[in-house]
Amino acid sequence: MTDALILSGILLAIVLLTHVGRHKVRIVLLVLPFLTCGTIGYLVLADMNVTTPNLMAAVVGTAVGVA
């Protein structure tokens, strides 16, 4: 539950800071989604145990995404 609240807070802050009002297109606005995904991915995956079902789900999801 705590992870979901932290994730929601991060996403809300990013949306409010970058999409409300008029802003010029800057490199920060283009790179910010990648940094956010990387940070959240690290926080979620750092404590994940690598088991066969988890690995198979990742492989299947990657294959479907590529296809």
N, C-alpha and C. Protein backbone atom coordinates (compact mmCIF):
# COMPACT_ATOMS: atom_id res chain seq x y z
N MET A 1 0.82 -1.19 0.00
CA MET A 1 0.00 0.00 0.00
C MET A 1 0.86 1.26 0.00
N THR A 2 1.95 1.22 0.74
CA THR A 2 2.82 2.38 0.79
C THR A 2 3.46 2.64 -0.57
N ASP A 3 3.85 1.58 -1.26
CA ASP A 3 4.45 1.75 -2.59
C ASP A 3 3.47 2.40 -3.55
N ALA A 4 2.21 1.99 -3.48
CA ALA A 4 1.20 2.56 -4.37
C ALA A 4 0.99 4.04 -4.09
N LEU A 5 1.01 4.43 -2.83
CA LEU A 5 0.85 5.84 -2.48
C LEU A 5 2.04 6.67 -2.93
N ILE A 6 3.24 6.13 -2.78
CA ILE A 6 4.44 6.84 -3.23
C ILE A 6 4.42 7.00 -4.74
N LEU A 7 4.08 5.94 -5.46
CA LEU A 7 4.00 5.99 -6.92
C LEU A 7 2.95 7.00 -7.37
N SER A 8 1.79 6.99 -6.73
CA SER A 8 0.74 7.95 -7.09
C SER A 8 1.18 9.38 -6.82
N GLY A 9 1.87 9.61 -5.72
CA GLY A 9 2.36 10.94 -5.40
C GLY A 9 3.39 11.43 -6.39
N ILE A 10 4.30 10.54 -6.81
CA ILE A 10 5.31 10.92 -7.80
C ILE A 10 4.66 11.27 -9.12
N LEU A 11 3.74 10.44 -9.58
CA LEU A 11 3.07 10.70 -10.85
C LEU A 11 2.23 11.97 -10.81
N LEU A 12 1.54 12.22 -9.70
CA LEU A 12 0.75 13.44 -9.56
C LEU A 12 1.65 14.67 -9.61
N ALA A 13 2.77 14.62 -8.92
CA ALA A 13 3.69 15.76 -8.91
C ALA A 13 4.24 16.03 -10.30
N ILE A 14 4.59 14.98 -11.02
CA ILE A 14 5.13 15.16 -12.36
C ILE A 14 4.09 15.77 -13.29
N VAL A 15 2.87 15.27 -13.23
CA VAL A 15 1.82 15.80 -14.10
C VAL A 15 1.53 17.26 -13.76
N LEU A 16 1.44 17.59 -12.50
CA LEU A 16 1.14 18.97 -12.11
C LEU A 16 2.27 19.92 -12.49
N LEU A 17 3.50 19.46 -12.38
CA LEU A 17 4.63 20.34 -12.68
C LEU A 17 4.91 20.50 -14.17
N THR A 18 4.51 19.52 -14.97
CA THR A 18 4.88 19.57 -16.38
C THR A 18 3.72 19.80 -17.34
N HIS A 19 2.49 19.54 -16.93
CA HIS A 19 1.39 19.60 -17.89
C HIS A 19 0.34 20.65 -17.57
N VAL A 20 0.46 21.35 -16.49
CA VAL A 20 -0.51 22.39 -16.15
C VAL A 20 0.07 23.73 -16.58
N GLY A 21 -0.65 24.43 -17.41
CA GLY A 21 -0.19 25.72 -17.90
C GLY A 21 0.56 25.58 -19.21
N ARG A 22 1.14 26.69 -19.63
CA ARG A 22 1.90 26.70 -20.88
C ARG A 22 3.38 26.60 -20.58
N HIS A 23 4.03 25.70 -21.25
CA HIS A 23 5.47 25.51 -21.07
C HIS A 23 6.12 25.36 -22.43
N LYS A 24 7.33 25.86 -22.56
CA LYS A 24 8.11 25.63 -23.77
C LYS A 24 8.67 24.21 -23.71
N VAL A 25 8.86 23.63 -24.87
CA VAL A 25 9.44 22.30 -24.93
C VAL A 25 10.93 22.41 -24.62
N ARG A 26 11.33 21.74 -23.57
CA ARG A 26 12.73 21.73 -23.16
C ARG A 26 13.20 20.30 -23.06
N ILE A 27 14.48 20.14 -22.98
CA ILE A 27 15.07 18.79 -22.91
C ILE A 27 14.63 18.09 -21.63
N VAL A 28 14.40 18.83 -20.56
CA VAL A 28 13.98 18.24 -19.29
C VAL A 28 12.62 17.58 -19.45
N LEU A 29 11.71 18.23 -20.17
CA LEU A 29 10.39 17.66 -20.37
C LEU A 29 10.43 16.42 -21.25
N LEU A 30 11.42 16.33 -22.10
CA LEU A 30 11.55 15.15 -22.96
C LEU A 30 12.21 13.98 -22.23
N VAL A 31 13.10 14.27 -21.30
CA VAL A 31 13.84 13.22 -20.59
C VAL A 31 13.11 12.77 -19.33
N LEU A 32 12.27 13.60 -18.78
CA LEU A 32 11.60 13.31 -17.50
C LEU A 32 10.82 12.00 -17.49
N PRO A 33 10.06 11.62 -18.52
CA PRO A 33 9.37 10.33 -18.48
C PRO A 33 10.33 9.14 -18.37
N PHE A 34 11.48 9.22 -19.02
CA PHE A 34 12.44 8.13 -18.94
C PHE A 34 13.06 8.03 -17.54
N LEU A 35 13.36 9.17 -16.96
CA LEU A 35 13.91 9.18 -15.60
C LEU A 35 12.88 8.66 -14.59
N THR A 36 11.64 9.05 -14.77
CA THR A 36 10.58 8.60 -13.87
C THR A 36 10.39 7.10 -13.97
N CYS A 37 10.31 6.58 -15.17
CA CYS A 37 10.14 5.14 -15.36
C CYS A 37 11.33 4.37 -14.80
N GLY A 38 12.51 4.88 -15.01
CA GLY A 38 13.70 4.22 -14.49
C GLY A 38 13.72 4.19 -12.97
N THR A 39 13.37 5.31 -12.35
CA THR A 39 13.35 5.39 -10.89
C THR A 39 12.29 4.48 -10.30
N ILE A 40 11.09 4.55 -10.83
CA ILE A 40 10.01 3.73 -10.31
C ILE A 40 10.30 2.26 -10.58
N GLY A 41 10.83 1.95 -11.75
CA GLY A 41 11.20 0.57 -12.05
C GLY A 41 12.23 0.03 -11.08
N TYR A 42 13.23 0.84 -10.76
CA TYR A 42 14.24 0.42 -9.80
C TYR A 42 13.62 0.19 -8.42
N LEU A 43 12.77 1.10 -7.97
CA LEU A 43 12.16 0.96 -6.65
C LEU A 43 11.29 -0.28 -6.56
N VAL A 44 10.59 -0.60 -7.63
CA VAL A 44 9.71 -1.76 -7.62
C VAL A 44 10.50 -3.05 -7.77
N LEU A 45 11.48 -3.06 -8.66
CA LEU A 45 12.20 -4.30 -8.97
C LEU A 45 13.35 -4.60 -8.02
N ALA A 46 13.76 -3.65 -7.20
CA ALA A 46 14.90 -3.86 -6.32
C ALA A 46 14.62 -4.96 -5.29
N ASP A 47 13.40 -5.04 -4.80
CA ASP A 47 13.06 -6.02 -3.77
C ASP A 47 12.38 -7.26 -4.33
N MET A 48 12.26 -7.36 -5.63
CA MET A 48 11.55 -8.48 -6.24
C MET A 48 12.42 -9.73 -6.26
N ASN A 49 11.85 -10.83 -5.84
CA ASN A 49 12.56 -12.11 -5.90
C ASN A 49 12.42 -12.67 -7.31
N VAL A 50 13.54 -13.10 -7.87
CA VAL A 50 13.51 -13.67 -9.21
C VAL A 50 13.18 -15.15 -9.09
N THR A 51 11.98 -15.50 -9.50
CA THR A 51 11.54 -16.88 -9.51
C THR A 51 11.14 -17.25 -10.93
N THR A 52 10.91 -18.51 -11.17
CA THR A 52 10.56 -18.97 -12.51
C THR A 52 9.27 -18.33 -13.02
N PRO A 53 8.19 -18.26 -12.23
CA PRO A 53 6.99 -17.61 -12.75
C PRO A 53 7.19 -16.12 -13.06
N ASN A 54 7.95 -15.43 -12.22
CA ASN A 54 8.23 -14.01 -12.48
C ASN A 54 9.04 -13.84 -13.76
N LEU A 55 10.02 -14.68 -13.95
CA LEU A 55 10.86 -14.60 -15.13
C LEU A 55 10.07 -14.95 -16.39
N MET A 56 9.22 -15.96 -16.31
CA MET A 56 8.41 -16.34 -17.47
C MET A 56 7.42 -15.24 -17.84
N ALA A 57 6.82 -14.59 -16.83
CA ALA A 57 5.88 -13.50 -17.09
C ALA A 57 6.62 -12.34 -17.75
N ALA A 58 7.84 -12.07 -17.34
CA ALA A 58 8.61 -10.99 -17.94
C ALA A 58 8.96 -11.32 -19.39
N VAL A 59 9.33 -12.56 -19.65
CA VAL A 59 9.69 -12.97 -21.02
C VAL A 59 8.47 -12.92 -21.92
N VAL A 60 7.33 -13.42 -21.45
CA VAL A 60 6.10 -13.40 -22.25
C VAL A 60 5.66 -11.96 -22.51
N GLY A 61 5.71 -11.12 -21.49
CA GLY A 61 5.32 -9.72 -21.65
C GLY A 61 6.23 -8.99 -22.63
N THR A 62 7.51 -9.26 -22.57
CA THR A 62 8.45 -8.65 -23.51
C THR A 62 8.19 -9.12 -24.93
N ALA A 63 7.93 -10.41 -25.09
CA ALA A 63 7.66 -10.96 -26.44
C ALA A 63 6.38 -10.38 -27.02
N VAL A 64 5.35 -10.23 -26.20
CA VAL A 64 4.09 -9.65 -26.67
C VAL A 64 4.30 -8.17 -27.03
N GLY A 65 5.07 -7.47 -26.23
CA GLY A 65 5.34 -6.07 -26.51
C GLY A 65 6.13 -5.87 -27.80
N VAL A 66 7.09 -6.75 -28.05
CA VAL A 66 7.89 -6.66 -29.27
C VAL A 66 7.04 -7.00 -30.48
N ALA A 67 6.19 -8.02 -30.33
CA ALA A 67 5.33 -8.45 -31.45
C ALA A 67 4.32 -7.37 -31.75
